[in-house]
Amino acid sequence: MSIDSVRVTVDTVAFSVQQGVLEVLLVKRKFEPFKSYWALPGGFLDDKDPTLDEAAARELLEETNVGNVYLEQLYSFGDKGRDPRGRTVTIAYLALLRQEEFELKASSDASGVAWWPVNELPPLAFDHHEVVSYAHKRLKYKIEYSPAAFSLIPGKFTLRDLQLVYEAVLGRAVDNRNFRKKFLNTGVLQELAETSQETSFRPARLYLFSEVDFERLPDRPVFVF
């Protein structure tokens, strides 16, 4: 098989946490193959794309109206048979988003765009179940040694907000006392003279994340529960 017969695509796994549930952004395909199936936002690499990163950003914006976000190259998937149109290698990207910052809009080649709970996914096109699963696994490790979790919550947050993000990503409960103690002891949180106005719970202290203090930490991982 000549190298010219292998095509390249880019796909983005965009995660968000909403009400304690980890969700992924999907588009509903308008055309074959896999017409009417849900899939990750993505598409073929264009000759006009200067880089893979820019191709992924372009496809995400075109298909979902989500733009100006940080994308991290995740992994490559290229098993034979993953695309009925022929041998296709996809470069998968990871994005961590706050849903309230974006207004979703489907593109001309998609009939829908929506957030789906990771544990309640519909049948997906291609091998996108595998791609989402791999991205979720990587995210579980990522929140242990990096400040990735803070990309999933507002700038000002309560300790409960932060704990819900970790529980959503890990898929299990964490000990409340140990969680709060560990985070407060790291020194990466700045306590504010403000409280939340949640109606279901009594007012709770708000915090900010300090990336400067995080970078000064001598040892990692630091957020293992």
Protein backbone atom coordinates (compact mmCIF):
# COMPACT_ATOMS: atom_id res chain seq x y z
CA MET A 1 0.00 0.00 0.00
CA SER A 2 1.43 3.37 -0.96
CA ILE A 3 1.62 6.17 1.55
CA ASP A 4 -0.67 8.23 -0.73
CA SER A 5 -3.55 5.86 0.04
CA VAL A 6 -3.43 6.61 3.77
CA ARG A 7 -5.54 9.57 4.81
CA VAL A 8 -5.18 11.67 7.96
CA THR A 9 -7.89 13.13 10.16
CA VAL A 10 -7.96 15.06 13.42
CA ASP A 11 -10.53 14.49 16.20
CA THR A 12 -10.99 16.29 19.51
CA VAL A 13 -12.18 14.79 22.78
CA ALA A 14 -13.56 17.83 24.63
CA PHE A 15 -14.45 17.09 28.25
CA SER A 16 -16.48 19.15 30.69
CA VAL A 17 -18.01 18.59 34.12
CA GLN A 18 -21.63 19.60 34.62
CA GLN A 19 -23.42 19.07 37.94
CA GLY A 20 -20.87 16.49 38.99
CA VAL A 21 -21.01 14.51 35.72
CA LEU A 22 -18.14 14.16 33.25
CA GLU A 23 -19.41 14.89 29.74
CA VAL A 24 -17.92 14.83 26.24
CA LEU A 25 -18.80 17.03 23.28
CA LEU A 26 -20.24 15.16 20.28
CA VAL A 27 -21.63 16.03 16.86
CA LYS A 28 -24.32 14.14 14.93
CA ARG A 29 -23.12 13.19 11.47
CA LYS A 30 -25.24 14.38 8.55
CA PHE A 31 -23.59 12.24 5.86
CA GLU A 32 -22.26 8.74 5.30
CA PRO A 33 -20.39 6.87 6.57
CA PHE A 34 -22.20 6.54 9.88
CA LYS A 35 -24.94 8.98 8.92
CA SER A 36 -27.01 10.02 11.98
CA TYR A 37 -24.42 8.55 14.36
CA TRP A 38 -22.82 10.70 17.02
CA ALA A 39 -19.09 11.28 16.72
CA LEU A 40 -16.21 13.36 17.98
CA PRO A 41 -15.80 16.72 16.25
CA GLY A 42 -13.12 16.39 13.59
CA GLY A 43 -12.34 15.83 9.96
CA PHE A 44 -9.72 15.43 7.29
CA LEU A 45 -6.44 17.29 7.33
CA ASP A 46 -6.54 20.08 4.76
CA ASP A 47 -3.58 21.16 2.65
CA LYS A 48 -4.23 24.68 3.91
CA ASP A 49 -3.74 23.67 7.57
CA PRO A 50 -0.24 24.82 8.61
CA THR A 51 -0.10 22.33 11.51
CA LEU A 52 -2.07 19.45 13.02
CA ASP A 53 -2.92 21.65 16.01
CA GLU A 54 -4.45 24.28 13.74
CA ALA A 55 -6.36 21.61 11.84
CA ALA A 56 -7.88 20.30 15.08
CA ALA A 57 -8.78 23.83 16.19
CA ARG A 58 -10.36 24.58 12.81
CA GLU A 59 -12.50 21.43 12.82
CA LEU A 60 -13.64 21.99 16.40
CA LEU A 61 -14.69 25.56 15.63
CA GLU A 62 -16.39 24.67 12.35
CA GLU A 63 -18.40 21.77 13.75
CA THR A 64 -19.32 23.02 17.24
CA ASN A 65 -18.67 26.79 17.38
CA VAL A 66 -16.13 26.15 20.16
CA GLY A 67 -12.96 28.11 19.56
CA ASN A 68 -9.95 29.72 21.19
CA VAL A 69 -9.33 26.78 23.53
CA TYR A 70 -6.20 24.91 24.55
CA LEU A 71 -5.77 21.62 22.66
CA GLU A 72 -3.30 18.93 23.67
CA GLN A 73 -2.29 16.18 21.26
CA LEU A 74 -3.39 12.92 22.79
CA TYR A 75 -2.68 9.83 20.68
CA SER A 76 -2.87 8.41 17.17
CA PHE A 77 -5.40 5.78 16.09
CA GLY A 78 -4.86 4.00 12.79
CA ASP A 79 -6.02 0.39 12.95
CA LYS A 80 -7.10 -1.06 9.62
CA GLY A 81 -10.88 -1.01 9.22
CA ARG A 82 -11.60 1.87 11.57
CA ASP A 83 -12.92 3.89 8.61
CA PRO A 84 -14.94 2.18 5.83
CA ARG A 85 -13.65 4.75 3.30
CA GLY A 86 -10.14 3.33 3.51
CA ARG A 87 -7.03 3.34 5.67
CA THR A 88 -7.27 6.46 7.84
CA VAL A 89 -5.10 7.59 10.71
CA THR A 90 -6.59 10.07 13.15
CA ILE A 91 -4.64 12.33 15.48
CA ALA A 92 -6.72 12.73 18.61
CA TYR A 93 -6.66 15.86 20.75
CA LEU A 94 -7.80 16.59 24.30
CA ALA A 95 -9.62 19.75 25.40
CA LEU A 96 -10.95 20.67 28.85
CA LEU A 97 -13.82 23.14 28.80
CA ARG A 98 -16.31 25.02 30.94
CA GLN A 99 -19.69 24.60 29.24
CA GLU A 100 -21.04 27.98 30.27
CA GLU A 101 -18.33 29.75 28.25
CA PHE A 102 -19.54 28.43 24.88
CA GLU A 103 -22.66 28.53 22.75
CA LEU A 104 -22.82 25.34 20.71
CA LYS A 105 -23.79 25.45 17.06
CA ALA A 106 -23.75 22.60 14.55
CA SER A 107 -22.01 23.12 11.21
CA SER A 108 -23.31 22.43 7.72
CA ASP A 109 -22.03 18.83 7.80
CA ALA A 110 -23.53 18.02 11.21
CA SER A 111 -27.19 17.78 12.17
CA GLY A 112 -26.61 18.29 15.86
CA VAL A 113 -24.09 19.05 18.58
CA ALA A 114 -24.46 18.28 22.29
CA TRP A 115 -22.78 17.30 25.52
CA TRP A 116 -23.15 13.63 26.48
CA PRO A 117 -22.36 11.98 29.83
CA VAL A 118 -19.30 9.76 29.38
CA ASN A 119 -21.07 6.86 31.07
CA GLU A 120 -24.19 7.17 28.89
CA LEU A 121 -22.78 7.49 25.39
CA PRO A 122 -24.86 6.56 22.34
CA PRO A 123 -23.42 4.31 19.60
CA LEU A 124 -20.51 6.26 18.14
CA ALA A 125 -19.09 6.42 14.63
CA PHE A 126 -15.76 4.86 13.67
CA ASP A 127 -13.72 3.83 16.74
CA HIS A 128 -14.68 6.90 18.73
CA HIS A 129 -15.76 4.86 21.76
CA GLU A 130 -12.15 3.68 21.99
CA VAL A 131 -10.84 7.23 21.54
CA VAL A 132 -13.09 8.61 24.29
CA SER A 133 -12.16 5.74 26.61
CA TYR A 134 -8.45 6.35 26.07
CA ALA A 135 -8.85 10.09 26.63
CA HIS A 136 -10.77 9.48 29.85
CA LYS A 137 -8.05 7.16 31.11
CA ARG A 138 -5.39 9.78 30.35
CA LEU A 139 -7.42 12.48 32.09
CA LYS A 140 -7.60 10.38 35.26
CA TYR A 141 -3.80 10.36 35.41
CA LYS A 142 -3.50 13.97 34.31
CA ILE A 143 -5.49 15.40 37.22
CA GLU A 144 -3.13 13.65 39.65
CA TYR A 145 0.04 15.44 38.57
CA SER A 146 -1.15 18.60 36.80
CA PRO A 147 -3.62 21.46 37.38
CA ALA A 148 -5.92 20.06 34.68
CA ALA A 149 -8.93 19.87 37.01
CA PHE A 150 -8.95 23.65 37.35
CA SER A 151 -9.74 23.95 33.64
CA LEU A 152 -13.10 22.29 34.37
CA ILE A 153 -14.35 24.72 37.04
CA PRO A 154 -14.97 28.49 37.18
CA GLY A 155 -12.15 30.80 38.21
CA LYS A 156 -13.74 31.16 41.66
CA PHE A 157 -14.83 27.87 43.21
CA THR A 158 -15.62 26.11 46.46
CA LEU A 159 -13.82 23.04 47.72
CA ARG A 160 -17.01 21.12 47.02
CA ASP A 161 -16.90 22.27 43.38
CA LEU A 162 -13.34 21.01 43.09
CA GLN A 163 -14.11 17.70 44.76
CA LEU A 164 -17.05 17.12 42.40
CA VAL A 165 -14.69 17.52 39.44
CA TYR A 166 -12.29 14.92 40.81
CA GLU A 167 -15.11 12.51 41.59
CA ALA A 168 -16.62 13.01 38.12
CA VAL A 169 -13.32 12.28 36.37
CA LEU A 170 -12.27 9.41 38.64
CA GLY A 171 -15.74 7.88 38.62
CA ARG A 172 -15.78 7.31 42.35
CA ALA A 173 -16.21 9.13 45.63
CA VAL A 174 -13.17 10.49 47.47
CA ASP A 175 -12.84 11.00 51.20
CA ASN A 176 -14.08 14.51 51.94
CA ARG A 177 -11.77 15.22 54.87
CA ASN A 178 -8.65 13.87 53.17
CA PHE A 179 -9.43 15.77 49.97
CA ARG A 180 -9.84 19.13 51.68
CA LYS A 181 -6.82 18.62 53.92
CA LYS A 182 -4.54 17.69 51.04
CA PHE A 183 -5.53 20.62 48.86
CA LEU A 184 -5.37 23.18 51.63
CA ASN A 185 -1.95 21.90 52.68
CA THR A 186 -0.46 22.25 49.19
CA GLY A 187 -0.72 26.02 49.28
CA VAL A 188 -1.95 26.24 45.67
CA LEU A 189 -5.36 27.63 46.69
CA GLN A 190 -5.92 31.29 47.55
CA GLU A 191 -8.79 31.78 49.99
CA LEU A 192 -11.08 34.68 49.13
CA ALA A 193 -13.16 36.86 51.42
CA GLU A 194 -16.22 35.69 49.47
CA THR A 195 -18.70 32.87 49.81
CA SER A 196 -20.87 31.00 47.32
CA GLN A 197 -24.60 31.57 47.08
CA GLU A 198 -25.62 27.96 46.50
CA THR A 199 -29.20 27.37 47.54
CA SER A 200 -28.90 23.69 48.49
CA PHE A 201 -25.99 24.17 50.85
CA ARG A 202 -24.91 26.76 53.36
CA PRO A 203 -22.57 29.45 52.00
CA ALA A 204 -19.08 28.08 51.42
CA ARG A 205 -15.74 29.83 51.08
CA LEU A 206 -14.55 30.61 47.58
CA TYR A 207 -11.00 29.98 46.36
CA LEU A 208 -8.72 30.77 43.44
CA PHE A 209 -6.10 28.45 41.98
CA SER A 210 -2.53 29.78 41.96
CA GLU A 211 -0.56 28.35 39.04
CA VAL A 212 2.54 30.15 40.30
CA ASP A 213 2.39 28.31 43.61
CA PHE A 214 1.68 25.04 41.81
CA GLU A 215 4.84 25.39 39.72
CA ARG A 216 6.84 25.86 42.92
CA LEU A 217 5.75 22.51 44.37
CA PRO A 218 8.84 20.30 44.88
CA ASP A 219 7.20 16.90 44.35
CA ARG A 220 4.61 15.37 42.03
CA PRO A 221 2.13 13.79 41.80
CA VAL A 222 0.36 15.73 44.51
CA PHE A 223 -3.35 15.13 43.97
CA VAL A 224 -3.73 11.39 44.55
CA PHE A 225 -6.71 10.29 46.64
